[in-house]
């Protein structure tokens, strides 16, 4: 796919992309700092538990709950 845009719009798009990347990097740094004292294994375990709990809630909402 291709598009023809003005040099001004190209510059604006480039600036917006650079700002988005900067914001993402800042967010990632804050997240890393917040979990600096948590092991990767513990993070993975916590994430798996959250995903499973969310899936169970979604099943219940859809009327597809399974007996425990």
N, C-alpha and C. Protein backbone atom coordinates (compact mmCIF):
# COMPACT_ATOMS: atom_id res chain seq x y z
N UNK A 1 0.85 -1.15 0.00
CA UNK A 1 0.00 0.00 0.00
C UNK A 1 0.91 1.23 0.00
N UNK A 2 0.43 2.28 -0.62
CA UNK A 2 1.20 3.51 -0.69
C UNK A 2 0.26 4.69 -0.58
N UNK A 3 0.83 5.82 -0.21
CA UNK A 3 0.06 7.06 -0.14
C UNK A 3 0.96 8.22 -0.51
N UNK A 4 0.36 9.21 -1.08
CA UNK A 4 1.09 10.44 -1.41
C UNK A 4 0.65 11.49 -0.40
N UNK A 5 1.62 12.00 0.37
CA UNK A 5 1.31 13.05 1.34
C UNK A 5 2.31 14.19 1.18
N UNK A 6 1.93 15.31 1.69
CA UNK A 6 2.80 16.48 1.59
C UNK A 6 4.00 16.33 2.51
N UNK A 7 5.09 17.03 2.22
CA UNK A 7 6.25 17.01 3.12
C UNK A 7 5.89 17.46 4.54
N UNK A 8 4.97 18.40 4.64
CA UNK A 8 4.54 18.87 5.96
C UNK A 8 3.85 17.75 6.73
N UNK A 9 2.96 17.03 6.06
CA UNK A 9 2.27 15.92 6.72
C UNK A 9 3.25 14.79 7.06
N UNK A 10 4.21 14.55 6.21
CA UNK A 10 5.22 13.53 6.49
C UNK A 10 6.01 13.91 7.74
N UNK A 11 6.38 15.15 7.86
CA UNK A 11 7.11 15.61 9.05
C UNK A 11 6.24 15.47 10.29
N UNK A 12 4.98 15.82 10.19
CA UNK A 12 4.06 15.69 11.31
C UNK A 12 3.92 14.23 11.73
N UNK A 13 3.77 13.35 10.77
CA UNK A 13 3.69 11.91 11.07
C UNK A 13 4.95 11.41 11.75
N UNK A 14 6.09 11.87 11.28
CA UNK A 14 7.37 11.46 11.88
C UNK A 14 7.48 11.95 13.31
N UNK A 15 7.04 13.19 13.55
CA UNK A 15 7.08 13.73 14.91
C UNK A 15 6.13 12.97 15.83
N UNK A 16 4.96 12.65 15.33
CA UNK A 16 3.99 11.90 16.13
C UNK A 16 4.53 10.51 16.47
N UNK A 17 5.15 9.86 15.52
CA UNK A 17 5.73 8.53 15.76
C UNK A 17 6.85 8.62 16.79
N UNK A 18 7.69 9.62 16.70
CA UNK A 18 8.78 9.78 17.66
C UNK A 18 8.22 10.02 19.06
N UNK A 19 7.17 10.81 19.18
CA UNK A 19 6.55 11.08 20.48
C UNK A 19 5.92 9.80 21.04
N UNK A 20 5.28 9.03 20.19
CA UNK A 20 4.68 7.77 20.63
C UNK A 20 5.75 6.82 21.15
N UNK A 21 6.86 6.72 20.44
CA UNK A 21 7.96 5.85 20.88
C UNK A 21 8.52 6.32 22.21
N UNK A 22 8.66 7.63 22.38
CA UNK A 22 9.18 8.18 23.64
C UNK A 22 8.23 7.84 24.79
N UNK A 23 6.93 8.02 24.57
CA UNK A 23 5.96 7.72 25.62
C UNK A 23 5.97 6.23 25.96
N UNK A 24 6.09 5.37 24.95
CA UNK A 24 6.14 3.94 25.19
C UNK A 24 7.38 3.57 26.01
N UNK A 25 8.52 4.14 25.64
CA UNK A 25 9.76 3.86 26.38
C UNK A 25 9.64 4.31 27.83
N UNK A 26 9.01 5.46 28.07
CA UNK A 26 8.83 5.95 29.43
C UNK A 26 7.90 5.04 30.22
N UNK A 27 6.83 4.58 29.58
CA UNK A 27 5.90 3.67 30.23
C UNK A 27 6.59 2.36 30.58
N UNK A 28 7.35 1.83 29.65
CA UNK A 28 8.07 0.58 29.88
C UNK A 28 9.05 0.72 31.03
N UNK A 29 9.74 1.84 31.12
CA UNK A 29 10.69 2.07 32.21
C UNK A 29 9.96 2.12 33.55
N UNK A 30 8.78 2.76 33.59
CA UNK A 30 8.00 2.82 34.83
C UNK A 30 7.53 1.44 35.23
N UNK A 31 7.11 0.64 34.26
CA UNK A 31 6.67 -0.71 34.57
C UNK A 31 7.81 -1.56 35.10
N UNK A 32 8.95 -1.45 34.47
CA UNK A 32 10.12 -2.22 34.94
C UNK A 32 10.49 -1.83 36.35
N UNK A 33 10.46 -0.54 36.65
CA UNK A 33 10.80 -0.07 37.99
C UNK A 33 9.80 -0.59 39.02
N UNK A 34 8.53 -0.61 38.66
CA UNK A 34 7.49 -1.05 39.59
C UNK A 34 7.63 -2.53 39.95
N UNK A 35 8.17 -3.33 39.05
CA UNK A 35 8.29 -4.77 39.27
C UNK A 35 9.75 -5.23 39.41
N UNK A 36 10.64 -4.30 39.73
CA UNK A 36 12.06 -4.61 39.81
C UNK A 36 12.37 -5.69 40.85
N UNK A 37 11.57 -5.74 41.91
CA UNK A 37 11.85 -6.70 42.99
C UNK A 37 11.08 -8.01 42.85
N UNK A 38 10.40 -8.21 41.72
CA UNK A 38 9.62 -9.42 41.49
C UNK A 38 10.34 -10.28 40.45
N UNK A 39 10.51 -11.56 40.77
CA UNK A 39 11.21 -12.45 39.84
C UNK A 39 10.37 -12.68 38.59
N UNK A 40 11.03 -13.04 37.50
CA UNK A 40 10.32 -13.32 36.26
C UNK A 40 9.38 -14.50 36.44
N UNK A 41 9.81 -15.52 37.18
CA UNK A 41 8.95 -16.68 37.44
C UNK A 41 7.68 -16.27 38.17
N UNK A 42 7.81 -15.39 39.16
CA UNK A 42 6.64 -14.94 39.91
C UNK A 42 5.71 -14.12 39.01
N UNK A 43 6.29 -13.26 38.18
CA UNK A 43 5.47 -12.49 37.25
C UNK A 43 4.69 -13.40 36.32
N UNK A 44 5.35 -14.41 35.77
CA UNK A 44 4.67 -15.33 34.85
C UNK A 44 3.56 -16.09 35.57
N UNK A 45 3.80 -16.49 36.81
CA UNK A 45 2.77 -17.19 37.58
C UNK A 45 1.58 -16.27 37.85
N UNK A 46 1.86 -15.04 38.24
CA UNK A 46 0.78 -14.08 38.50
C UNK A 46 -0.02 -13.80 37.24
N UNK A 47 0.66 -13.64 36.12
CA UNK A 47 -0.02 -13.37 34.85
C UNK A 47 -0.92 -14.55 34.47
N UNK A 48 -0.40 -15.77 34.62
CA UNK A 48 -1.19 -16.96 34.30
C UNK A 48 -2.45 -17.03 35.16
N UNK A 49 -2.32 -16.70 36.45
CA UNK A 49 -3.48 -16.71 37.34
C UNK A 49 -4.51 -15.66 36.92
N UNK A 50 -4.05 -14.48 36.57
CA UNK A 50 -4.96 -13.41 36.14
C UNK A 50 -5.69 -13.81 34.86
N UNK A 51 -4.96 -14.39 33.92
CA UNK A 51 -5.57 -14.82 32.66
C UNK A 51 -6.62 -15.89 32.92
N UNK A 52 -6.30 -16.86 33.76
CA UNK A 52 -7.25 -17.93 34.05
C UNK A 52 -8.49 -17.38 34.75
N UNK A 53 -8.31 -16.49 35.70
CA UNK A 53 -9.44 -15.88 36.40
C UNK A 53 -10.33 -15.11 35.41
N UNK A 54 -9.70 -14.38 34.50
CA UNK A 54 -10.46 -13.63 33.49
C UNK A 54 -11.22 -14.57 32.57
N UNK A 55 -10.59 -15.65 32.16
CA UNK A 55 -11.27 -16.63 31.30
C UNK A 55 -12.48 -17.23 32.00
N UNK A 56 -12.34 -17.54 33.28
CA UNK A 56 -13.46 -18.10 34.04
C UNK A 56 -14.60 -17.09 34.11
N UNK A 57 -14.28 -15.83 34.36
CA UNK A 57 -15.31 -14.79 34.40
C UNK A 57 -16.01 -14.66 33.06
N UNK A 58 -15.25 -14.73 31.98
CA UNK A 58 -15.84 -14.62 30.64
C UNK A 58 -16.75 -15.81 30.35
N UNK A 59 -16.33 -17.01 30.77
CA UNK A 59 -17.17 -18.20 30.60
C UNK A 59 -18.48 -18.06 31.37
N UNK A 60 -18.39 -17.57 32.60
CA UNK A 60 -19.58 -17.40 33.42
C UNK A 60 -20.53 -16.40 32.77
N UNK A 61 -20.00 -15.30 32.27
CA UNK A 61 -20.84 -14.31 31.61
C UNK A 61 -21.52 -14.88 30.37
N UNK A 62 -20.84 -15.78 29.70
CA UNK A 62 -21.39 -16.37 28.48
C UNK A 62 -22.25 -17.60 28.79
N UNK A 63 -22.35 -17.96 30.08
CA UNK A 63 -23.14 -19.13 30.45
C UNK A 63 -22.45 -20.43 30.14
N UNK A 64 -21.14 -20.39 30.07
CA UNK A 64 -20.36 -21.59 29.72
C UNK A 64 -19.51 -22.07 30.89
N UNK A 65 -19.90 -21.74 32.12
CA UNK A 65 -19.06 -22.09 33.26
C UNK A 65 -18.97 -23.60 33.40
N UNK A 66 -17.79 -24.04 33.80
CA UNK A 66 -17.53 -25.46 34.00
C UNK A 66 -17.55 -25.76 35.50
N UNK A 67 -17.99 -26.92 35.89
CA UNK A 67 -17.92 -27.29 37.31
C UNK A 67 -16.47 -27.36 37.76
N UNK A 68 -16.20 -26.94 38.98
CA UNK A 68 -14.83 -26.94 39.50
C UNK A 68 -14.39 -28.32 39.90
